[in-house]
C-alpha atoms as a PDB file:
ATOM      1  CA  MET A   1    -202.605  54.126 114.140  1.00  0.00           C
ATOM      2  CA  GLN A   2    -200.142  55.327 116.185  1.00  0.00           C
ATOM      3  CA  ILE A   3    -202.158  55.765 119.606  1.00  0.00           C
ATOM      4  CA  GLY A   4    -201.461  57.070 122.506  1.00  0.00           C
ATOM      5  CA  LEU A   5    -202.811  57.058 126.511  1.00  0.00           C
ATOM      6  CA  ILE A   6    -202.794  59.914 128.260  1.00  0.00           C
ATOM      7  CA  PHE A   7    -204.009  59.803 132.328  1.00  0.00           C
ATOM      8  CA  ASP A   8    -204.616  62.414 135.052  1.00  0.00           C
ATOM      9  CA  MET A   9    -203.531  60.827 138.506  1.00  0.00           C
ATOM     10  CA  ASP A  10    -206.421  62.211 141.182  1.00  0.00           C
ATOM     11  CA  GLY A  11    -209.510  60.084 140.465  1.00  0.00           C
ATOM     12  CA  VAL A  12    -208.462  58.445 137.552  1.00  0.00           C
ATOM     13  CA  ILE A  13    -204.939  56.442 138.869  1.00  0.00           C
ATOM     14  CA  VAL A  14    -206.198  56.378 142.457  1.00  0.00           C
ATOM     15  CA  GLU A  15    -209.355  57.306 144.249  1.00  0.00           C
ATOM     16  CA  ASN A  16    -208.406  59.684 145.755  1.00  0.00           C
ATOM     17  CA  HIS A  17    -210.882  62.511 146.400  1.00  0.00           C
ATOM     18  CA  GLN A  18    -212.719  61.918 149.511  1.00  0.00           C
ATOM     19  CA  TYR A  19    -208.667  62.506 151.341  1.00  0.00           C
ATOM     20  CA  HIS A  20    -208.087  65.877 148.978  1.00  0.00           C
ATOM     21  CA  TYR A  21    -211.289  67.350 150.180  1.00  0.00           C
ATOM     22  CA  LEU A  22    -210.746  66.398 154.092  1.00  0.00           C
ATOM     23  CA  ALA A  23    -207.757  67.745 153.932  1.00  0.00           C
ATOM     24  CA  TRP A  24    -209.112  71.589 151.989  1.00  0.00           C
ATOM     25  CA  GLN A  25    -211.570  71.661 154.610  1.00  0.00           C
ATOM     26  CA  LYS A  26    -208.755  71.484 157.556  1.00  0.00           C
ATOM     27  CA  ILE A  27    -207.027  74.346 155.719  1.00  0.00           C
ATOM     28  CA  ALA A  28    -210.112  76.434 154.850  1.00  0.00           C
ATOM     29  CA  ALA A  29    -211.007  75.614 158.874  1.00  0.00           C
ATOM     30  CA  LYS A  30    -207.585  77.329 159.888  1.00  0.00           C
ATOM     31  CA  HIS A  31    -208.699  80.464 158.331  1.00  0.00           C
ATOM     32  CA  GLY A  32    -212.372  80.576 158.755  1.00  0.00           C
ATOM     33  CA  ILE A  33    -213.906  79.078 155.993  1.00  0.00           C
ATOM     34  CA  THR A  34    -216.356  76.037 155.501  1.00  0.00           C
ATOM     35  CA  ILE A  35    -216.055  74.060 152.153  1.00  0.00           C
ATOM     36  CA  ASP A  36    -219.069  71.839 151.182  1.00  0.00           C
ATOM     37  CA  GLU A  37    -218.679  68.918 148.876  1.00  0.00           C
ATOM     38  CA  GLU A  38    -220.819  70.580 146.021  1.00  0.00           C
ATOM     39  CA  PHE A  39    -218.902  73.212 146.252  1.00  0.00           C
ATOM     40  CA  TYR A  40    -215.535  71.546 146.609  1.00  0.00           C
ATOM     41  CA  ARG A  41    -217.078  69.025 143.535  1.00  0.00           C
ATOM     42  CA  LYS A  42    -218.127  71.943 141.104  1.00  0.00           C
ATOM     43  CA  LYS A  43    -215.990  74.025 141.829  1.00  0.00           C
ATOM     44  CA  MET A  44    -212.095  72.877 142.838  1.00  0.00           C
ATOM     45  CA  ASN A  45    -211.815  69.668 141.427  1.00  0.00           C
ATOM     46  CA  GLY A  46    -209.176  68.916 139.370  1.00  0.00           C
ATOM     47  CA  ARG A  47    -208.106  72.537 139.366  1.00  0.00           C
ATOM     48  CA  THR A  48    -204.185  73.148 139.870  1.00  0.00           C
ATOM     49  CA  LEU A  49    -203.299  74.867 142.709  1.00  0.00           C
ATOM     50  CA  LYS A  50    -203.277  78.641 142.210  1.00  0.00           C
ATOM     51  CA  LYS A  51    -206.303  78.907 140.915  1.00  0.00           C
ATOM     52  CA  LEU A  52    -207.882  77.079 143.979  1.00  0.00           C
ATOM     53  CA  MET A  53    -206.369  79.491 146.292  1.00  0.00           C
ATOM     54  CA  LYS A  54    -208.592  82.305 144.128  1.00  0.00           C
ATOM     55  CA  VAL A  55    -211.638  79.764 144.510  1.00  0.00           C
ATOM     56  CA  VAL A  56    -210.786  79.292 148.160  1.00  0.00           C
ATOM     57  CA  PHE A  57    -209.886  82.368 149.746  1.00  0.00           C
ATOM     58  CA  ASP A  58    -211.843  84.800 146.717  1.00  0.00           C
ATOM     59  CA  ARG A  59    -208.665  87.277 148.235  1.00  0.00           C
ATOM     60  CA  GLU A  60    -205.279  88.604 146.806  1.00  0.00           C
ATOM     61  CA  MET A  61    -202.718  86.715 148.387  1.00  0.00           C
ATOM     62  CA  SER A  62    -198.243  87.145 147.839  1.00  0.00           C
ATOM     63  CA  ASP A  63    -196.867  84.183 146.019  1.00  0.00           C
ATOM     64  CA  GLU A  64    -195.071  82.612 148.990  1.00  0.00           C
ATOM     65  CA  GLU A  65    -198.507  83.222 151.324  1.00  0.00           C
ATOM     66  CA  ALA A  66    -200.207  81.010 148.259  1.00  0.00           C
ATOM     67  CA  LYS A  67    -197.277  78.367 148.488  1.00  0.00           C
ATOM     68  CA  SER A  68    -196.920  78.219 152.276  1.00  0.00           C
ATOM     69  CA  ILE A  69    -200.868  77.500 152.405  1.00  0.00           C
ATOM     70  CA  GLY A  70    -200.525  74.669 149.431  1.00  0.00           C
ATOM     71  CA  LEU A  71    -197.707  73.318 151.067  1.00  0.00           C
ATOM     72  CA  GLU A  72    -199.707  72.835 154.038  1.00  0.00           C
ATOM     73  CA  LYS A  73    -202.779  71.429 152.339  1.00  0.00           C
ATOM     74  CA  GLU A  74    -200.915  68.836 150.336  1.00  0.00           C
ATOM     75  CA  ALA A  75    -198.806  67.246 153.266  1.00  0.00           C
ATOM     76  CA  ILE A  76    -202.531  67.203 154.962  1.00  0.00           C
ATOM     77  CA  TYR A  77    -203.885  65.428 152.339  1.00  0.00           C
ATOM     78  CA  ARG A  78    -200.870  63.268 151.964  1.00  0.00           C
ATOM     79  CA  ASP A  79    -200.918  61.857 155.635  1.00  0.00           C
ATOM     80  CA  LEU A  80    -204.673  61.726 155.817  1.00  0.00           C
ATOM     81  CA  TYR A  81    -204.330  59.777 152.245  1.00  0.00           C
ATOM     82  CA  ARG A  82    -200.830  57.455 152.753  1.00  0.00           C
ATOM     83  CA  ASP A  83    -202.722  53.817 154.377  1.00  0.00           C
ATOM     84  CA  HIS A  84    -205.122  54.267 151.789  1.00  0.00           C
ATOM     85  CA  ARG A  85    -203.813  54.435 148.727  1.00  0.00           C
ATOM     86  CA  ARG A  86    -204.010  51.748 146.195  1.00  0.00           C
ATOM     87  CA  PRO A  87    -204.410  51.892 142.288  1.00  0.00           C
ATOM     88  CA  THR A  88    -208.073  52.416 141.030  1.00  0.00           C
ATOM     89  CA  ILE A  89    -209.680  49.134 140.471  1.00  0.00           C
ATOM     90  CA  GLY A  90    -208.453  47.175 137.040  1.00  0.00           C
ATOM     91  CA  LEU A  91    -206.162  49.831 136.310  1.00  0.00           C
ATOM     92  CA  VAL A  92    -202.580  48.324 137.069  1.00  0.00           C
ATOM     93  CA  ARG A  93    -204.136  44.801 134.324  1.00  0.00           C
ATOM     94  CA  PHE A  94    -205.154  47.874 131.842  1.00  0.00           C
ATOM     95  CA  LEU A  95    -201.880  49.575 131.988  1.00  0.00           C
ATOM     96  CA  GLU A  96    -199.646  45.609 131.342  1.00  0.00           C
ATOM     97  CA  GLU A  97    -201.912  45.068 128.661  1.00  0.00           C
ATOM     98  CA  ALA A  98    -201.401  48.305 126.824  1.00  0.00           C
ATOM     99  CA  LYS A  99    -197.784  47.943 127.359  1.00  0.00           C
ATOM    100  CA  ASN A 100    -197.563  44.297 126.146  1.00  0.00           C
ATOM    101  CA  LYS A 101    -199.120  46.729 123.064  1.00  0.00           C
ATOM    102  CA  ASN A 102    -196.333  48.932 122.883  1.00  0.00           C
ATOM    103  CA  ILE A 103    -198.403  51.783 123.203  1.00  0.00           C
ATOM    104  CA  PRO A 104    -196.974  54.750 125.159  1.00  0.00           C
ATOM    105  CA  MET A 105    -198.579  56.059 128.121  1.00  0.00           C
ATOM    106  CA  VAL A 106    -198.257  59.519 130.072  1.00  0.00           C
ATOM    107  CA  VAL A 107    -199.486  61.014 132.667  1.00  0.00           C
ATOM    108  CA  GLY A 108    -201.171  64.983 133.050  1.00  0.00           C
ATOM    109  CA  THR A 109    -201.671  65.816 135.870  1.00  0.00           C
ATOM    110  CA  SER A 110    -202.652  69.560 137.959  1.00  0.00           C
ATOM    111  CA  ALA A 111    -201.038  67.646 141.218  1.00  0.00           C
ATOM    112  CA  PRO A 112    -197.999  68.574 141.821  1.00  0.00           C
ATOM    113  CA  LYS A 113    -194.865  66.815 142.132  1.00  0.00           C
ATOM    114  CA  GLU A 114    -194.357  65.324 145.621  1.00  0.00           C
ATOM    115  CA  ASN A 115    -197.934  64.346 144.828  1.00  0.00           C
ATOM    116  CA  VAL A 116    -196.919  62.251 141.938  1.00  0.00           C
ATOM    117  CA  GLU A 117    -193.940  60.859 143.605  1.00  0.00           C
ATOM    118  CA  PHE A 118    -196.239  59.866 146.345  1.00  0.00           C
ATOM    119  CA  THR A 119    -198.793  58.006 143.659  1.00  0.00           C
ATOM    120  CA  LEU A 120    -196.964  56.544 141.714  1.00  0.00           C
ATOM    121  CA  ASP A 121    -193.393  56.154 142.394  1.00  0.00           C
ATOM    122  CA  ASP A 122    -194.685  54.484 146.364  1.00  0.00           C
ATOM    123  CA  LEU A 123    -197.211  52.136 144.088  1.00  0.00           C
ATOM    124  CA  ASP A 124    -194.329  51.357 141.637  1.00  0.00           C
ATOM    125  CA  LEU A 125    -196.568  52.842 138.472  1.00  0.00           C
ATOM    126  CA  ARG A 126    -194.097  54.958 137.150  1.00  0.00           C
ATOM    127  CA  LYS A 127    -192.699  52.720 135.218  1.00  0.00           C
ATOM    128  CA  TYR A 128    -195.753  52.165 132.595  1.00  0.00           C
ATOM    129  CA  PHE A 129    -195.233  55.478 131.724  1.00  0.00           C
ATOM    130  CA  VAL A 130    -193.577  57.615 129.315  1.00  0.00           C
ATOM    131  CA  GLY A 131    -193.439  60.775 131.673  1.00  0.00           C
ATOM    132  CA  VAL A 132    -195.242  63.042 133.766  1.00  0.00           C
ATOM    133  CA  VAL A 133    -196.693  66.728 133.072  1.00  0.00           C
ATOM    134  CA  ASP A 134    -197.450  67.934 136.708  1.00  0.00           C
ATOM    135  CA  ASP A 135    -199.094  71.473 137.787  1.00  0.00           C
ATOM    136  CA  SER A 136    -195.310  72.501 137.250  1.00  0.00           C
ATOM    137  CA  MET A 137    -195.021  72.398 133.678  1.00  0.00           C
ATOM    138  CA  VAL A 138    -197.965  74.398 132.278  1.00  0.00           C
ATOM    139  CA  VAL A 139    -198.735  78.011 132.578  1.00  0.00           C
ATOM    140  CA  HIS A 140    -202.432  77.554 131.934  1.00  0.00           C
ATOM    141  CA  GLY A 141    -204.538  74.976 134.330  1.00  0.00           C
ATOM    142  CA  LYS A 142    -207.421  72.647 133.140  1.00  0.00           C
ATOM    143  CA  PRO A 143    -209.370  73.411 131.788  1.00  0.00           C
ATOM    144  CA  ASP A 144    -207.019  74.600 129.249  1.00  0.00           C
ATOM    145  CA  PRO A 145    -205.848  72.480 127.018  1.00  0.00           C
ATOM    146  CA  GLU A 146    -201.751  72.926 127.543  1.00  0.00           C
ATOM    147  CA  VAL A 147    -201.318  69.918 130.216  1.00  0.00           C
ATOM    148  CA  TYR A 148    -202.737  67.352 126.777  1.00  0.00           C
ATOM    149  CA  LEU A 149    -201.097  69.080 124.440  1.00  0.00           C
ATOM    150  CA  LYS A 150    -197.862  68.749 126.345  1.00  0.00           C
ATOM    151  CA  ALA A 151    -198.515  64.958 127.089  1.00  0.00           C
ATOM    152  CA  ALA A 152    -199.296  64.334 124.043  1.00  0.00           C
ATOM    153  CA  ASP A 153    -195.785  65.851 122.293  1.00  0.00           C
ATOM    154  CA  MET A 154    -194.124  63.997 125.360  1.00  0.00           C
ATOM    155  CA  ILE A 155    -195.507  60.801 123.539  1.00  0.00           C
ATOM    156  CA  ASN A 156    -195.247  61.915 119.945  1.00  0.00           C
ATOM    157  CA  ARG A 157    -198.666  60.721 118.722  1.00  0.00           C
ATOM    158  CA  GLU A 158    -201.003  63.661 117.950  1.00  0.00           C
ATOM    159  CA  PRO A 159    -204.040  64.315 120.069  1.00  0.00           C
ATOM    160  CA  SER A 160    -206.578  63.401 117.696  1.00  0.00           C
ATOM    161  CA  ASN A 161    -205.197  59.259 118.011  1.00  0.00           C
ATOM    162  CA  CYS A 162    -204.884  59.485 121.580  1.00  0.00           C
ATOM    163  CA  ILE A 163    -207.452  58.572 124.762  1.00  0.00           C
ATOM    164  CA  VAL A 164    -207.459  60.631 127.199  1.00  0.00           C
ATOM    165  CA  PHE A 165    -208.858  59.355 131.099  1.00  0.00           C
ATOM    166  CA  GLU A 166    -209.996  61.862 133.294  1.00  0.00           C
ATOM    167  CA  ASP A 167    -212.938  62.242 136.023  1.00  0.00           C
ATOM    168  CA  ALA A 168    -213.223  65.579 136.524  1.00  0.00           C
ATOM    169  CA  VAL A 169    -215.045  68.378 134.356  1.00  0.00           C
ATOM    170  CA  SER A 170    -212.741  70.529 133.437  1.00  0.00           C
ATOM    171  CA  GLY A 171    -210.252  67.641 132.641  1.00  0.00           C
ATOM    172  CA  ILE A 172    -213.285  66.290 130.428  1.00  0.00           C
ATOM    173  CA  GLU A 173    -212.870  70.056 128.660  1.00  0.00           C
ATOM    174  CA  ALA A 174    -209.024  70.400 128.508  1.00  0.00           C
ATOM    175  CA  GLY A 175    -209.243  66.922 126.638  1.00  0.00           C
ATOM    176  CA  LYS A 176    -211.713  67.539 124.402  1.00  0.00           C
ATOM    177  CA  ALA A 177    -210.466  71.511 123.779  1.00  0.00           C
ATOM    178  CA  ALA A 178    -206.928  69.761 123.020  1.00  0.00           C
ATOM    179  CA  GLY A 179    -208.111  66.823 120.076  1.00  0.00           C
ATOM    180  CA  ALA A 180    -208.325  64.131 121.856  1.00  0.00           C
ATOM    181  CA  LYS A 181    -211.267  61.488 122.843  1.00  0.00           C
ATOM    182  CA  VAL A 182    -212.034  61.336 126.686  1.00  0.00           C
ATOM    183  CA  ILE A 183    -212.960  58.589 128.513  1.00  0.00           C
ATOM    184  CA  GLY A 184    -215.117  59.632 131.902  1.00  0.00           C
ATOM    185  CA  LEU A 185    -213.928  58.288 135.146  1.00  0.00           C
ATOM    186  CA  ALA A 186    -217.230  58.453 137.255  1.00  0.00           C
ATOM    187  CA  THR A 187    -215.110  58.444 140.595  1.00  0.00           C
ATOM    188  CA  SER A 188    -216.133  62.251 141.531  1.00  0.00           C
ATOM    189  CA  HIS A 189    -218.829  62.707 139.705  1.00  0.00           C
ATOM    190  CA  SER A 190    -221.594  61.148 138.610  1.00  0.00           C
ATOM    191  CA  ARG A 191    -222.253  60.246 135.686  1.00  0.00           C
ATOM    192  CA  GLU A 192    -224.695  62.905 134.355  1.00  0.00           C
ATOM    193  CA  GLU A 193    -221.795  65.136 135.217  1.00  0.00           C
ATOM    194  CA  LEU A 194    -219.504  64.169 132.649  1.00  0.00           C
ATOM    195  CA  ASP A 195    -219.674  64.887 128.944  1.00  0.00           C
ATOM    196  CA  ALA A 196    -217.423  62.558 127.904  1.00  0.00           C
ATOM    197  CA  GLU A 197    -217.565  59.790 124.705  1.00  0.00           C
ATOM    198  CA  LEU A 198    -217.314  57.025 127.008  1.00  0.00           C
ATOM    199  CA  ILE A 199    -218.553  56.603 130.955  1.00  0.00           C
ATOM    200  CA  ILE A 200    -216.912  53.781 133.228  1.00  0.00           C
ATOM    201  CA  ASN A 201    -217.171  53.271 136.632  1.00  0.00           C
ATOM    202  CA  ASN A 202    -213.257  51.771 136.470  1.00  0.00           C
ATOM    203  CA  PHE A 203    -211.084  50.076 134.420  1.00  0.00           C
ATOM    204  CA  SER A 204    -212.893  47.190 134.065  1.00  0.00           C
ATOM    205  CA  ASP A 205    -215.697  48.459 133.190  1.00  0.00           C
ATOM    206  CA  LEU A 206    -213.494  49.428 129.929  1.00  0.00           C
ATOM    207  CA  SER A 207    -212.246  46.629 126.514  1.00  0.00           C
ATOM    208  CA  TRP A 208    -209.587  46.845 123.699  1.00  0.00           C
ATOM    209  CA  GLN A 209    -212.784  46.835 121.210  1.00  0.00           C
ATOM    210  CA  GLN A 210    -214.136  50.141 123.151  1.00  0.00           C
ATOM    211  CA  ILE A 211    -211.255  52.043 122.707  1.00  0.00           C
ATOM    212  CA  THR A 212    -210.586  50.839 119.329  1.00  0.00           C
ATOM    213  CA  ASP A 213    -214.157  52.366 118.680  1.00  0.00           C
ATOM    214  CA  LEU A 214    -214.107  55.624 119.951  1.00  0.00           C
ATOM    215  CA  LEU A 215    -210.912  56.086 118.202  1.00  0.00           C
ATOM    216  CA  ASP A 216    -212.427  55.465 115.067  1.00  0.00           C
ATOM    217  CA  ASN A 217    -215.162  57.143 115.938  1.00  0.00           C
ATOM    218  CA  LYS A 218    -213.478  60.708 114.190  1.00  0.00           C
END
């Protein structure tokens, strides 16, 4: 079987949920809006910036205004997270093992290109991946499967032979809708909230036998 591995970025490659939440709190407060963590986890985590604008501000806004607010929020996030960046526990070892097995890997994320560079390039992780499908490359954000269908196509694999790694409820739905198997990481949500075939805390919990069993159980 020719398998492929597809990784969401935020909450999977890095554990950065809290810094996105803090950045959204700051930008929302400037507009007189309060965001609590439960609202963020249930309504915001894993969504594209375009969808987030509707969720947070609940009003019509021009593309220019949405872009301006979005750029400001992401700049705040990068400033907050810059000195705390590190790969999720066990990730680099897992990527090295997959690379040695000649398994193609790709990133499929709702994040903008600037955040992808901020994470993958600055942590020297891009070398493991064939490519990246970011928010500028899709029309429909998660839970629509478009991002993961494009990611599977990028590595020339059938979605049914791919495993998607996700931390967000909407992302798990997207992976399943694409026809892939999904491993959930309990970094942003509780295990009870994640409807994935397998749930792990981090990559040190994961064995290759589990991956084989998951793909064989079709």
